[in-house]
Amino acid sequence: QVQLVESGGGLVQAGGSLRLSCAVSGRTFNRYTMGWFRQAPGKEREFVAASVWSDGTTYYTDSVKGRFTISRDNAKNMVYLQMNSLKSEDTAVYYCAADRLGGLGYSKVSEYEHWGQGTQVTVSS
């Protein structure tokens, strides 16, 4: 059974930075497309970033391009989300997700089989 545990959330001022981490259990981590999603109060869960397992290509939603960076360490079964120049609109619960052999559906919530419990990110203006 694959389990995901996020950490690194917190309260930060606008313009600041945070680094989220996601620890993944399981022996075939390198065959999982890894995604970060977020959900603000009263809104649907939305795609933030993904790292595709097959070639390491990364994807981002437009609102975080140039500010956020997703990375993964296959040797440690870890995925990270470095968030810089944070804005108040980035406030949300951030979720790590895993999609075995995932490809073009990387931005869709329904594509991911495994989810973490979420970590709160609050950006004060």
Protein backbone atom coordinates (compact mmCIF):
# COMPACT_ATOMS: atom_id res chain seq x y z
CA GLN A 1 0.00 0.00 0.00
CA VAL A 2 1.34 3.41 -0.98
CA GLN A 3 1.22 6.07 1.71
CA LEU A 4 2.05 9.74 1.34
CA VAL A 5 2.91 12.12 4.17
CA GLU A 6 3.31 15.85 3.57
CA SER A 7 5.21 18.27 5.74
CA GLY A 8 6.57 21.80 5.61
CA GLY A 9 3.42 23.90 5.62
CA GLY A 10 2.98 26.91 7.84
CA LEU A 11 2.37 30.64 8.08
CA VAL A 12 4.49 32.96 5.97
CA GLN A 13 4.33 36.59 4.92
CA ALA A 14 3.64 37.55 1.35
CA GLY A 15 6.85 37.42 -0.67
CA GLY A 16 8.29 34.69 1.51
CA SER A 17 9.14 31.08 0.76
CA LEU A 18 8.22 27.62 1.94
CA ARG A 19 9.35 24.15 0.95
CA LEU A 20 6.85 21.34 1.11
CA SER A 21 8.01 17.75 1.35
CA CYS A 22 6.18 14.52 0.65
CA ALA A 23 7.48 11.16 1.83
CA VAL A 24 6.19 8.19 -0.15
CA SER A 25 6.20 4.58 1.01
CA GLY A 26 6.54 1.79 -1.53
CA ARG A 27 9.19 0.17 -3.66
CA THR A 28 8.27 1.53 -7.09
CA PHE A 29 8.32 5.25 -6.45
CA ASN A 30 10.15 5.91 -9.69
CA ARG A 31 7.12 4.62 -11.64
CA TYR A 32 4.76 7.16 -10.15
CA THR A 33 3.89 10.51 -11.58
CA MET A 34 3.84 12.83 -8.59
CA GLY A 35 1.59 15.82 -8.28
CA TRP A 36 0.90 18.68 -5.94
CA PHE A 37 -2.63 20.02 -5.64
CA ARG A 38 -4.21 22.62 -3.39
CA GLN A 39 -7.63 23.41 -2.05
CA ALA A 40 -8.71 26.74 -0.66
CA PRO A 41 -11.83 27.10 1.53
CA GLY A 42 -14.97 26.89 -0.53
CA LYS A 43 -13.10 25.98 -3.70
CA GLU A 44 -12.41 22.80 -5.61
CA ARG A 45 -9.08 21.05 -5.40
CA GLU A 46 -6.81 22.35 -8.15
CA PHE A 47 -3.64 21.24 -9.87
CA VAL A 48 -0.41 23.00 -8.93
CA ALA A 49 2.53 21.00 -10.29
CA ALA A 50 3.52 17.54 -11.48
CA SER A 51 6.62 15.49 -12.17
CA VAL A 52 6.04 12.74 -14.75
CA TRP A 53 7.70 9.42 -13.95
CA SER A 54 8.75 8.42 -17.47
CA ASP A 55 10.98 11.33 -18.41
CA GLY A 56 11.00 13.70 -15.45
CA THR A 57 9.12 16.42 -17.29
CA THR A 58 7.55 18.94 -14.96
CA TYR A 59 4.32 20.86 -15.40
CA TYR A 60 2.82 23.82 -13.58
CA THR A 61 -0.41 25.68 -13.46
CA ASP A 62 0.01 29.15 -14.94
CA SER A 63 -0.43 31.02 -11.66
CA VAL A 64 2.69 29.43 -10.10
CA LYS A 65 5.04 29.31 -13.08
CA GLY A 66 8.32 30.99 -12.25
CA ARG A 67 7.58 30.90 -8.51
CA PHE A 68 7.14 27.21 -7.65
CA THR A 69 9.44 24.30 -8.43
CA ILE A 70 8.60 20.61 -8.11
CA SER A 71 11.44 18.15 -7.69
CA ARG A 72 11.84 14.53 -6.70
CA ASP A 73 14.50 12.29 -5.24
CA ASN A 74 13.81 8.74 -6.41
CA ALA A 75 16.51 7.33 -4.15
CA LYS A 76 14.77 8.73 -1.07
CA ASN A 77 11.14 8.36 -2.23
CA MET A 78 10.63 12.09 -1.75
CA VAL A 79 8.95 14.82 -3.73
CA TYR A 80 9.25 18.51 -2.96
CA LEU A 81 7.53 21.75 -3.80
CA GLN A 82 9.66 24.86 -3.42
CA MET A 83 7.40 27.88 -3.23
CA ASN A 84 8.87 31.35 -3.62
CA SER A 85 7.35 34.81 -3.87
CA LEU A 86 4.26 33.56 -2.10
CA LYS A 87 1.03 35.48 -2.46
CA SER A 88 -2.10 35.56 -0.33
CA GLU A 89 -3.94 33.68 -3.06
CA ASP A 90 -1.58 30.74 -2.54
CA THR A 91 -3.23 30.12 0.83
CA ALA A 92 -4.69 26.61 0.80
CA VAL A 93 -4.26 23.08 2.00
CA TYR A 94 -1.62 21.47 -0.21
CA TYR A 95 -1.84 17.80 -1.10
CA CYS A 96 0.72 15.42 -2.52
CA ALA A 97 -0.60 12.75 -4.88
CA ALA A 98 0.74 9.72 -6.74
CA ASP A 99 -0.40 8.25 -10.06
CA ARG A 100 1.22 4.95 -11.03
CA LEU A 101 2.56 5.11 -14.58
CA GLY A 102 0.71 8.38 -14.98
CA GLY A 103 1.09 10.46 -18.12
CA LEU A 104 -0.98 13.09 -19.85
CA GLY A 105 -3.63 13.18 -17.14
CA TYR A 106 -1.19 14.74 -14.68
CA SER A 107 -3.42 17.77 -13.98
CA LYS A 108 -6.58 15.83 -13.17
CA VAL A 109 -7.55 14.98 -9.60
CA SER A 110 -9.28 11.81 -10.81
CA GLU A 111 -6.05 10.42 -12.30
CA TYR A 112 -4.29 10.02 -8.95
CA GLU A 113 -4.79 6.89 -6.89
CA HIS A 114 -3.01 7.91 -3.72
CA TRP A 115 -3.20 11.10 -1.65
CA GLY A 116 -1.59 12.53 1.42
CA GLN A 117 -3.48 14.09 4.29
CA GLY A 118 -2.58 17.64 3.28
CA THR A 119 -0.58 20.44 4.85
CA GLN A 120 -1.84 23.97 5.47
CA VAL A 121 -0.08 26.90 3.83
CA THR A 122 -1.18 30.34 4.95
CA VAL A 123 0.24 33.48 3.36
CA SER A 124 -0.43 36.72 5.19
CA SER A 125 -0.57 39.99 3.27
